[in-house]
Amino acid sequence: MLGAKRPGREMQMKTTMIMNEKGGVGKSVTAIQLAAGFSLNGMKTLIIDGDPQGSITNLLLDETTVQEVDKKDLTISTVLEHPEMINDCICPVPSLENTYIIPSTGLLTHTMKQMEFNPLTSYPNKLQKAFRNLKGFDQVVIDNNPSFSWFVFNECAVADLLIVPTNIEFNSLRGIDNTIEDVTSVLQQLEDAPAMDIKVLVTRKGRTNDDMERLKEINAKYGKHSYKTVIPNQDKPVRDSLNDHKILLLSHDKKKKAARSYRQLVDEILGNHHLEKMFHDKEAA
């Protein structure tokens, strides 16, 4: 059932997984903006890069650091193989105060296959074990590639919130439905999984009549499980922020409506107006 609550252990920190089996919906961009927003709210935040392409890793860490953690095997792959080493694999994010990352490399694909098909390691509780050693964080944000992998199974065992970003295309509903159905199926099979809420986030919304109609369709179908905040389609600001290794949410440029929308999203998730007030006060000064 959509947004079903499951009995499980209490977790002091909140863990958000960003997942959609459809690609090109803004998963990595959303993960970065959420982490930035949480950190601006004074929360110690950890990003886990669960994408073997390492998109977030390469955006938030310099090339030297990425090469170093790869050489020392201090990535998410090591966490899965040796959950007790999770704290050794955490790197500070230079561009974001109070924000840290567990990086990813292409080795993750190999690690997942090796562990998934080994009966001694196949049960998806590796992140659950690792999190028992993780102390001092208020928020954890986990990014993914579009594949519903064994790593995603592990996330389901620790996540309090699943955000399904979706653009507005004719087949968007299928991607949302497939993701929610598969996550719900995994939750039913897992023991000691936390209560998980499921939310749909519309990204890359244009101004056409078709976009408006599809937005209405999404809101009608998912209702309270759809965020009120909608991220507008602004390819250039998003692309420029990625190319310049900058955080879109931190922009004061009023033309970058996507930046403001991501701040509104963080406020909606946390149930406050902290970022809206912070940036309004700075712009008024």
C-alpha atoms as a PDB file:
ATOM      1  CA  MET A   1       0.000   0.000   0.000  1.00  0.00           C
ATOM      2  CA  LEU A   2       1.294   3.453  -0.884  1.00  0.00           C
ATOM      3  CA  GLY A   3       3.177   4.959   2.021  1.00  0.00           C
ATOM      4  CA  ALA A   4       2.451   1.960   4.230  1.00  0.00           C
ATOM      5  CA  LYS A   5       3.967   2.114   7.706  1.00  0.00           C
ATOM      6  CA  ARG A   6       5.936  -0.865   8.911  1.00  0.00           C
ATOM      7  CA  PRO A   7       6.857  -1.629  12.499  1.00  0.00           C
ATOM      8  CA  GLY A   8      10.579  -1.390  13.128  1.00  0.00           C
ATOM      9  CA  ARG A   9      13.298  -0.023  15.302  1.00  0.00           C
ATOM     10  CA  GLU A  10      13.466   3.684  16.124  1.00  0.00           C
ATOM     11  CA  MET A  11      16.170   5.612  14.311  1.00  0.00           C
ATOM     12  CA  GLN A  12      17.410   8.940  15.588  1.00  0.00           C
ATOM     13  CA  MET A  13      18.556  10.090  12.169  1.00  0.00           C
ATOM     14  CA  LYS A  14      16.311  10.303   9.126  1.00  0.00           C
ATOM     15  CA  THR A  15      17.252   8.468   5.940  1.00  0.00           C
ATOM     16  CA  THR A  16      15.896   9.499   2.538  1.00  0.00           C
ATOM     17  CA  MET A  17      16.372   7.406  -0.584  1.00  0.00           C
ATOM     18  CA  ILE A  18      15.950   9.032  -4.002  1.00  0.00           C
ATOM     19  CA  MET A  19      14.750   6.480  -6.538  1.00  0.00           C
ATOM     20  CA  ASN A  20      12.900   6.171  -9.823  1.00  0.00           C
ATOM     21  CA  GLU A  21      13.323   3.297 -12.239  1.00  0.00           C
ATOM     22  CA  LYS A  22      12.923   5.831 -15.024  1.00  0.00           C
ATOM     23  CA  GLY A  23      16.074   7.766 -15.901  1.00  0.00           C
ATOM     24  CA  GLY A  24      16.503  11.477 -16.539  1.00  0.00           C
ATOM     25  CA  VAL A  25      14.212  12.664 -13.755  1.00  0.00           C
ATOM     26  CA  GLY A  26      16.731  14.596 -11.634  1.00  0.00           C
ATOM     27  CA  LYS A  27      17.593  12.082  -8.917  1.00  0.00           C
ATOM     28  CA  SER A  28      21.177  13.225  -8.348  1.00  0.00           C
ATOM     29  CA  VAL A  29      20.307  16.921  -8.573  1.00  0.00           C
ATOM     30  CA  THR A  30      17.523  16.416  -6.040  1.00  0.00           C
ATOM     31  CA  ALA A  31      19.804  14.488  -3.669  1.00  0.00           C
ATOM     32  CA  ILE A  32      22.406  17.276  -3.693  1.00  0.00           C
ATOM     33  CA  GLN A  33      19.846  20.034  -3.115  1.00  0.00           C
ATOM     34  CA  LEU A  34      18.243  18.165  -0.220  1.00  0.00           C
ATOM     35  CA  ALA A  35      21.615  17.617   1.444  1.00  0.00           C
ATOM     36  CA  ALA A  36      22.471  21.296   1.031  1.00  0.00           C
ATOM     37  CA  GLY A  37      19.106  22.339   2.433  1.00  0.00           C
ATOM     38  CA  PHE A  38      19.396  20.037   5.432  1.00  0.00           C
ATOM     39  CA  SER A  39      22.883  21.345   6.201  1.00  0.00           C
ATOM     40  CA  LEU A  40      21.621  24.952   6.063  1.00  0.00           C
ATOM     41  CA  ASN A  41      19.098  23.937   8.696  1.00  0.00           C
ATOM     42  CA  GLY A  42      21.995  23.029  10.986  1.00  0.00           C
ATOM     43  CA  MET A  43      21.695  19.302  10.393  1.00  0.00           C
ATOM     44  CA  LYS A  44      24.780  17.126  10.060  1.00  0.00           C
ATOM     45  CA  THR A  45      24.115  15.416   6.743  1.00  0.00           C
ATOM     46  CA  LEU A  46      25.568  12.375   5.004  1.00  0.00           C
ATOM     47  CA  ILE A  47      25.185  11.714   1.282  1.00  0.00           C
ATOM     48  CA  ILE A  48      25.619   8.131   0.114  1.00  0.00           C
ATOM     49  CA  ASP A  49      26.377   7.813  -3.589  1.00  0.00           C
ATOM     50  CA  GLY A  50      24.703   4.587  -4.684  1.00  0.00           C
ATOM     51  CA  ASP A  51      25.295   5.160  -8.386  1.00  0.00           C
ATOM     52  CA  PRO A  52      28.258   3.243  -9.895  1.00  0.00           C
ATOM     53  CA  GLN A  53      28.768   6.187 -12.254  1.00  0.00           C
ATOM     54  CA  GLY A  54      29.710   8.285  -9.228  1.00  0.00           C
ATOM     55  CA  SER A  55      27.998  11.432 -10.502  1.00  0.00           C
ATOM     56  CA  ILE A  56      27.560  13.017  -7.068  1.00  0.00           C
ATOM     57  CA  THR A  57      31.014  11.882  -5.983  1.00  0.00           C
ATOM     58  CA  ASN A  58      32.653  13.662  -8.909  1.00  0.00           C
ATOM     59  CA  LEU A  59      30.550  16.775  -8.389  1.00  0.00           C
ATOM     60  CA  LEU A  60      31.231  17.198  -4.683  1.00  0.00           C
ATOM     61  CA  LEU A  61      34.821  15.938  -4.388  1.00  0.00           C
ATOM     62  CA  ASP A  62      37.887  17.035  -6.324  1.00  0.00           C
ATOM     63  CA  GLU A  63      39.671  14.623  -8.635  1.00  0.00           C
ATOM     64  CA  THR A  64      42.582  14.070  -6.245  1.00  0.00           C
ATOM     65  CA  THR A  65      40.273  13.046  -3.407  1.00  0.00           C
ATOM     66  CA  VAL A  66      38.278  10.721  -5.658  1.00  0.00           C
ATOM     67  CA  GLN A  67      41.471   9.011  -6.809  1.00  0.00           C
ATOM     68  CA  GLU A  68      42.669   8.694  -3.220  1.00  0.00           C
ATOM     69  CA  VAL A  69      39.499   7.085  -1.853  1.00  0.00           C
ATOM     70  CA  ASP A  70      39.405   4.771  -4.862  1.00  0.00           C
ATOM     71  CA  LYS A  71      43.004   3.715  -4.298  1.00  0.00           C
ATOM     72  CA  LYS A  72      42.381   3.107  -0.582  1.00  0.00           C
ATOM     73  CA  ASP A  73      39.057   1.339  -1.237  1.00  0.00           C
ATOM     74  CA  LEU A  74      37.158   3.789   0.981  1.00  0.00           C
ATOM     75  CA  THR A  75      33.893   3.811  -0.969  1.00  0.00           C
ATOM     76  CA  ILE A  76      30.353   2.478  -0.632  1.00  0.00           C
ATOM     77  CA  SER A  77      31.613  -0.855  -2.008  1.00  0.00           C
ATOM     78  CA  THR A  78      33.751  -1.308   1.105  1.00  0.00           C
ATOM     79  CA  VAL A  79      30.790  -0.422   3.341  1.00  0.00           C
ATOM     80  CA  LEU A  80      28.741  -3.209   1.773  1.00  0.00           C
ATOM     81  CA  GLU A  81      31.538  -5.748   2.186  1.00  0.00           C
ATOM     82  CA  HIS A  82      32.646  -4.530   5.626  1.00  0.00           C
ATOM     83  CA  PRO A  83      29.779  -2.648   7.336  1.00  0.00           C
ATOM     84  CA  GLU A  84      31.921  -1.948  10.391  1.00  0.00           C
ATOM     85  CA  MET A  85      34.130   0.311   8.218  1.00  0.00           C
ATOM     86  CA  ILE A  86      31.431   2.828   7.340  1.00  0.00           C
ATOM     87  CA  ASN A  87      33.001   5.672   9.325  1.00  0.00           C
ATOM     88  CA  ASP A  88      36.341   5.147   7.548  1.00  0.00           C
ATOM     89  CA  CYS A  89      34.628   5.738   4.194  1.00  0.00           C
ATOM     90  CA  ILE A  90      33.113   9.136   5.022  1.00  0.00           C
ATOM     91  CA  CYS A  91      34.623  12.246   3.381  1.00  0.00           C
ATOM     92  CA  PRO A  92      33.784  15.895   4.151  1.00  0.00           C
ATOM     93  CA  VAL A  93      32.229  17.884   1.301  1.00  0.00           C
ATOM     94  CA  PRO A  94      34.392  21.016   0.871  1.00  0.00           C
ATOM     95  CA  SER A  95      31.621  23.144  -0.644  1.00  0.00           C
ATOM     96  CA  LEU A  96      29.008  22.390   2.024  1.00  0.00           C
ATOM     97  CA  GLU A  97      29.461  22.953   5.727  1.00  0.00           C
ATOM     98  CA  ASN A  98      28.370  20.086   7.954  1.00  0.00           C
ATOM     99  CA  THR A  99      27.961  17.784   4.941  1.00  0.00           C
ATOM    100  CA  TYR A 100      29.751  14.515   4.224  1.00  0.00           C
ATOM    101  CA  ILE A 101      29.723  11.855   1.527  1.00  0.00           C
ATOM    102  CA  ILE A 102      30.404   8.160   1.117  1.00  0.00           C
ATOM    103  CA  PRO A 103      31.724   8.117  -2.456  1.00  0.00           C
ATOM    104  CA  SER A 104      31.069   5.626  -5.222  1.00  0.00           C
ATOM    105  CA  THR A 105      33.081   4.278  -8.134  1.00  0.00           C
ATOM    106  CA  GLY A 106      32.488   1.777 -10.923  1.00  0.00           C
ATOM    107  CA  LEU A 107      33.553  -0.970  -8.516  1.00  0.00           C
ATOM    108  CA  LEU A 108      30.071  -0.821  -6.981  1.00  0.00           C
ATOM    109  CA  THR A 109      28.525  -2.792  -9.865  1.00  0.00           C
ATOM    110  CA  HIS A 110      31.020  -5.629  -9.406  1.00  0.00           C
ATOM    111  CA  THR A 111      30.583  -5.624  -5.618  1.00  0.00           C
ATOM    112  CA  MET A 112      26.800  -5.801  -5.843  1.00  0.00           C
ATOM    113  CA  LYS A 113      26.893  -8.747  -8.248  1.00  0.00           C
ATOM    114  CA  GLN A 114      29.402 -10.640  -6.136  1.00  0.00           C
ATOM    115  CA  MET A 115      27.382 -10.200  -2.956  1.00  0.00           C
ATOM    116  CA  GLU A 116      23.930 -10.653  -4.446  1.00  0.00           C
ATOM    117  CA  PHE A 117      24.696 -14.096  -5.882  1.00  0.00           C
ATOM    118  CA  ASN A 118      26.622 -15.351  -2.857  1.00  0.00           C
ATOM    119  CA  PRO A 119      24.173 -17.098  -0.491  1.00  0.00           C
ATOM    120  CA  LEU A 120      26.338 -16.051   2.476  1.00  0.00           C
ATOM    121  CA  THR A 121      26.007 -12.323   1.690  1.00  0.00           C
ATOM    122  CA  SER A 122      22.846 -12.032  -0.394  1.00  0.00           C
ATOM    123  CA  TYR A 123      20.394 -10.940   2.328  1.00  0.00           C
ATOM    124  CA  PRO A 124      20.064  -7.140   1.955  1.00  0.00           C
ATOM    125  CA  ASN A 125      20.982  -6.057   5.480  1.00  0.00           C
ATOM    126  CA  LYS A 126      24.450  -4.638   4.840  1.00  0.00           C
ATOM    127  CA  LEU A 127      23.463  -0.968   5.156  1.00  0.00           C
ATOM    128  CA  GLN A 128      21.379  -1.873   8.186  1.00  0.00           C
ATOM    129  CA  LYS A 129      24.475  -3.350   9.850  1.00  0.00           C
ATOM    130  CA  ALA A 130      26.609  -0.387   8.770  1.00  0.00           C
ATOM    131  CA  PHE A 131      24.149   2.153  10.177  1.00  0.00           C
ATOM    132  CA  ARG A 132      24.499   0.616  13.629  1.00  0.00           C
ATOM    133  CA  ASN A 133      28.046   1.987  13.586  1.00  0.00           C
ATOM    134  CA  LEU A 134      27.022   5.392  12.215  1.00  0.00           C
ATOM    135  CA  LYS A 135      26.804   8.081  14.870  1.00  0.00           C
ATOM    136  CA  GLY A 136      26.169  11.807  14.982  1.00  0.00           C
ATOM    137  CA  PHE A 137      24.250  12.363  11.743  1.00  0.00           C
ATOM    138  CA  ASP A 138      20.815  13.971  11.569  1.00  0.00           C
ATOM    139  CA  GLN A 139      20.058  13.259   7.905  1.00  0.00           C
ATOM    140  CA  VAL A 140      21.213  10.666   5.375  1.00  0.00           C
ATOM    141  CA  VAL A 141      20.414  11.093   1.670  1.00  0.00           C
ATOM    142  CA  ILE A 142      21.009   8.178  -0.704  1.00  0.00           C
ATOM    143  CA  ASP A 143      21.252   8.610  -4.475  1.00  0.00           C
ATOM    144  CA  ASN A 144      20.755   5.809  -7.018  1.00  0.00           C
ATOM    145  CA  ASN A 145      20.919   4.981 -10.683  1.00  0.00           C
ATOM    146  CA  PRO A 146      17.626   3.958 -12.366  1.00  0.00           C
ATOM    147  CA  SER A 147      18.242   0.224 -11.913  1.00  0.00           C
ATOM    148  CA  PHE A 148      16.321  -1.515  -9.136  1.00  0.00           C
ATOM    149  CA  SER A 149      19.438  -3.200  -7.819  1.00  0.00           C
ATOM    150  CA  TRP A 150      20.475  -5.239  -4.807  1.00  0.00           C
ATOM    151  CA  PHE A 151      21.771  -1.967  -3.348  1.00  0.00           C
ATOM    152  CA  VAL A 152      18.221  -0.566  -3.444  1.00  0.00           C
ATOM    153  CA  PHE A 153      17.069  -3.633  -1.499  1.00  0.00           C
ATOM    154  CA  ASN A 154      19.607  -2.650   1.182  1.00  0.00           C
ATOM    155  CA  GLU A 155      18.293   0.912   1.233  1.00  0.00           C
ATOM    156  CA  CYS A 156      14.749  -0.273   1.835  1.00  0.00           C
ATOM    157  CA  ALA A 157      15.951  -1.802   5.100  1.00  0.00           C
ATOM    158  CA  VAL A 158      17.053   1.610   6.458  1.00  0.00           C
ATOM    159  CA  ALA A 159      15.074   4.350   4.680  1.00  0.00           C
ATOM    160  CA  ASP A 160      12.382   6.376   6.436  1.00  0.00           C
ATOM    161  CA  LEU A 161      11.403   8.247   3.283  1.00  0.00           C
ATOM    162  CA  LEU A 162      11.380   7.369  -0.408  1.00  0.00           C
ATOM    163  CA  ILE A 163      11.233  10.320  -2.787  1.00  0.00           C
ATOM    164  CA  VAL A 164      10.312   9.436  -6.361  1.00  0.00           C
ATOM    165  CA  PRO A 165      11.323  12.348  -8.609  1.00  0.00           C
ATOM    166  CA  THR A 166       9.488  12.396 -11.900  1.00  0.00           C
ATOM    167  CA  ASN A 167       9.518  14.596 -14.950  1.00  0.00           C
ATOM    168  CA  ILE A 168       6.355  15.244 -16.921  1.00  0.00           C
ATOM    169  CA  GLU A 169       6.226  12.887 -19.875  1.00  0.00           C
ATOM    170  CA  PHE A 170       3.598  10.555 -21.250  1.00  0.00           C
ATOM    171  CA  ASN A 171       5.197   7.532 -19.554  1.00  0.00           C
ATOM    172  CA  SER A 172       5.992   9.185 -16.205  1.00  0.00           C
ATOM    173  CA  LEU A 173       3.233   7.384 -14.309  1.00  0.00           C
ATOM    174  CA  ARG A 174       4.646   4.023 -15.312  1.00  0.00           C
ATOM    175  CA  GLY A 175       8.023   4.849 -13.791  1.00  0.00           C
ATOM    176  CA  ILE A 176       6.403   6.011 -10.550  1.00  0.00           C
ATOM    177  CA  ASP A 177       4.131   2.964 -10.322  1.00  0.00           C
ATOM    178  CA  ASN A 178       6.943   0.495 -11.049  1.00  0.00           C
ATOM    179  CA  THR A 179       9.186   2.068  -8.415  1.00  0.00           C
ATOM    180  CA  ILE A 180       6.517   2.164  -5.706  1.00  0.00           C
ATOM    181  CA  GLU A 181       5.354  -1.368  -6.482  1.00  0.00           C
ATOM    182  CA  ASP A 182       8.887  -2.792  -6.319  1.00  0.00           C
ATOM    183  CA  VAL A 183       9.803  -0.937  -3.113  1.00  0.00           C
ATOM    184  CA  THR A 184       6.563  -2.032  -1.450  1.00  0.00           C
ATOM    185  CA  SER A 185       7.258  -5.630  -2.457  1.00  0.00           C
ATOM    186  CA  VAL A 186      10.738  -5.488  -0.910  1.00  0.00           C
ATOM    187  CA  LEU A 187       9.408  -3.968   2.328  1.00  0.00           C
ATOM    188  CA  GLN A 188       6.983  -6.851   2.699  1.00  0.00           C
ATOM    189  CA  GLN A 189       9.896  -9.302   2.566  1.00  0.00           C
ATOM    190  CA  LEU A 190      12.257  -7.508   4.940  1.00  0.00           C
ATOM    191  CA  GLU A 191      12.464  -7.990   8.667  1.00  0.00           C
ATOM    192  CA  ASP A 192      12.996  -5.046  11.039  1.00  0.00           C
ATOM    193  CA  ALA A 193      12.565  -2.403   8.334  1.00  0.00           C
ATOM    194  CA  PRO A 194      11.724   1.120   9.558  1.00  0.00           C
ATOM    195  CA  ALA A 195       8.436   2.834   8.786  1.00  0.00           C
ATOM    196  CA  MET A 196       8.727   4.294   5.303  1.00  0.00           C
ATOM    197  CA  ASP A 197       6.777   7.172   3.810  1.00  0.00           C
ATOM    198  CA  ILE A 198       6.619   7.479   0.017  1.00  0.00           C
ATOM    199  CA  LYS A 199       6.389  10.807  -1.787  1.00  0.00           C
ATOM    200  CA  VAL A 200       6.302  11.815  -5.455  1.00  0.00           C
ATOM    201  CA  LEU A 201       8.217  14.930  -6.511  1.00  0.00           C
ATOM    202  CA  VAL A 202       7.443  16.503  -9.879  1.00  0.00           C
ATOM    203  CA  THR A 203      10.583  17.874 -11.531  1.00  0.00           C
ATOM    204  CA  ARG A 204      11.255  19.535 -14.859  1.00  0.00           C
ATOM    205  CA  LYS A 205       7.729  20.894 -15.230  1.00  0.00           C
ATOM    206  CA  GLY A 206       7.215  23.105 -18.273  1.00  0.00           C
ATOM    207  CA  ARG A 207       4.504  25.636 -19.062  1.00  0.00           C
ATOM    208  CA  THR A 208       2.642  23.765 -21.780  1.00  0.00           C
ATOM    209  CA  ASN A 209      -0.968  22.662 -21.488  1.00  0.00           C
ATOM    210  CA  ASP A 210       0.206  19.042 -21.709  1.00  0.00           C
ATOM    211  CA  ASP A 211       2.471  19.569 -18.696  1.00  0.00           C
ATOM    212  CA  MET A 212      -0.383  21.083 -16.717  1.00  0.00           C
ATOM    213  CA  GLU A 213      -2.677  18.188 -17.555  1.00  0.00           C
ATOM    214  CA  ARG A 214      -0.066  15.584 -16.590  1.00  0.00           C
ATOM    215  CA  LEU A 215       0.610  17.425 -13.336  1.00  0.00           C
ATOM    216  CA  LYS A 216      -3.105  17.276 -12.535  1.00  0.00           C
ATOM    217  CA  GLU A 217      -3.082  13.571 -13.368  1.00  0.00           C
ATOM    218  CA  ILE A 218      -0.155  12.908 -11.011  1.00  0.00           C
ATOM    219  CA  ASN A 219      -1.712  14.943  -8.191  1.00  0.00           C
ATOM    220  CA  ALA A 220      -5.054  13.228  -8.658  1.00  0.00           C
ATOM    221  CA  LYS A 221      -3.507   9.761  -8.521  1.00  0.00           C
ATOM    222  CA  TYR A 222      -1.066  10.238  -5.639  1.00  0.00           C
ATOM    223  CA  GLY A 223      -2.833  12.966  -3.659  1.00  0.00           C
ATOM    224  CA  LYS A 224      -1.217  13.499  -0.253  1.00  0.00           C
ATOM    225  CA  HIS A 225       1.700  11.341  -1.364  1.00  0.00           C
ATOM    226  CA  SER A 226       2.721  14.034  -3.854  1.00  0.00           C
ATOM    227  CA  TYR A 227       4.699  17.087  -2.729  1.00  0.00           C
ATOM    228  CA  LYS A 228       3.024  20.460  -3.166  1.00  0.00           C
ATOM    229  CA  THR A 229       6.363  21.857  -4.322  1.00  0.00           C
ATOM    230  CA  VAL A 230       6.977  21.441  -8.053  1.00  0.00           C
ATOM    231  CA  ILE A 231      10.416  21.934  -9.603  1.00  0.00           C
ATOM    232  CA  PRO A 232      10.266  23.928 -12.866  1.00  0.00           C
ATOM    233  CA  ASN A 233      12.128  22.828 -15.951  1.00  0.00           C
ATOM    234  CA  GLN A 234      15.233  25.013 -16.050  1.00  0.00           C
ATOM    235  CA  ASP A 235      17.856  23.018 -17.911  1.00  0.00           C
ATOM    236  CA  LYS A 236      20.432  25.806 -18.198  1.00  0.00           C
ATOM    237  CA  PRO A 237      20.693  26.803 -14.506  1.00  0.00           C
ATOM    238  CA  VAL A 238      20.812  23.142 -13.497  1.00  0.00           C
ATOM    239  CA  ARG A 239      23.386  22.299 -16.153  1.00  0.00           C
ATOM    240  CA  ASP A 240      25.505  25.362 -15.314  1.00  0.00           C
ATOM    241  CA  SER A 241      25.515  24.520 -11.602  1.00  0.00           C
ATOM    242  CA  LEU A 242      26.663  20.983 -12.351  1.00  0.00           C
ATOM    243  CA  ASN A 243      29.359  22.112 -14.781  1.00  0.00           C
ATOM    244  CA  ASP A 244      30.631  24.731 -12.320  1.00  0.00           C
ATOM    245  CA  HIS A 245      30.475  22.305  -9.364  1.00  0.00           C
ATOM    246  CA  LYS A 246      28.104  24.668  -7.555  1.00  0.00           C
ATOM    247  CA  ILE A 247      24.985  23.965  -5.503  1.00  0.00           C
ATOM    248  CA  LEU A 248      21.889  25.288  -7.267  1.00  0.00           C
ATOM    249  CA  LEU A 249      19.906  25.703  -4.044  1.00  0.00           C
ATOM    250  CA  LEU A 250      22.465  28.226  -2.750  1.00  0.00           C
ATOM    251  CA  SER A 251      21.919  30.632  -5.663  1.00  0.00           C
ATOM    252  CA  HIS A 252      20.459  34.075  -4.918  1.00  0.00           C
ATOM    253  CA  ASP A 253      19.686  34.674  -8.603  1.00  0.00           C
ATOM    254  CA  LYS A 254      15.931  35.325  -8.763  1.00  0.00           C
ATOM    255  CA  LYS A 255      15.857  34.058 -12.343  1.00  0.00           C
ATOM    256  CA  LYS A 256      16.827  30.589 -11.124  1.00  0.00           C
ATOM    257  CA  LYS A 257      13.357  29.512 -10.085  1.00  0.00           C
ATOM    258  CA  ALA A 258      14.477  25.918  -9.687  1.00  0.00           C
ATOM    259  CA  ALA A 259      16.810  27.010  -6.857  1.00  0.00           C
ATOM    260  CA  ARG A 260      13.935  28.651  -4.997  1.00  0.00           C
ATOM    261  CA  SER A 261      11.725  25.622  -5.594  1.00  0.00           C
ATOM    262  CA  TYR A 262      14.298  23.286  -4.093  1.00  0.00           C
ATOM    263  CA  ARG A 263      14.501  25.530  -1.029  1.00  0.00           C
ATOM    264  CA  GLN A 264      10.712  25.370  -0.766  1.00  0.00           C
ATOM    265  CA  LEU A 265      10.914  21.578  -1.038  1.00  0.00           C
ATOM    266  CA  VAL A 266      13.331  21.353   1.895  1.00  0.00           C
ATOM    267  CA  ASP A 267      11.045  23.621   3.929  1.00  0.00           C
ATOM    268  CA  GLU A 268       8.084  21.407   3.044  1.00  0.00           C
ATOM    269  CA  ILE A 269       9.938  18.234   4.063  1.00  0.00           C
ATOM    270  CA  LEU A 270      11.082  19.730   7.375  1.00  0.00           C
ATOM    271  CA  GLY A 271       7.805  21.524   8.034  1.00  0.00           C
ATOM    272  CA  ASN A 272       9.318  24.964   8.451  1.00  0.00           C
ATOM    273  CA  HIS A 273      10.068  28.127   6.463  1.00  0.00           C
ATOM    274  CA  HIS A 274      13.710  28.437   7.462  1.00  0.00           C
ATOM    275  CA  LEU A 275      15.272  28.568   3.982  1.00  0.00           C
ATOM    276  CA  GLU A 276      12.551  30.779   2.545  1.00  0.00           C
ATOM    277  CA  LYS A 277      13.095  33.298   5.363  1.00  0.00           C
ATOM    278  CA  MET A 278      16.893  33.001   5.246  1.00  0.00           C
ATOM    279  CA  PHE A 279      17.170  33.786   1.538  1.00  0.00           C
ATOM    280  CA  HIS A 280      14.421  36.407   1.634  1.00  0.00           C
ATOM    281  CA  ASP A 281      16.240  38.270   4.395  1.00  0.00           C
ATOM    282  CA  LYS A 282      19.549  38.123   2.534  1.00  0.00           C
ATOM    283  CA  GLU A 283      17.989  39.349  -0.716  1.00  0.00           C
ATOM    284  CA  ALA A 284      16.250  42.199   1.141  1.00  0.00           C
ATOM    285  CA  ALA A 285      19.445  43.292   2.911  1.00  0.00           C
END
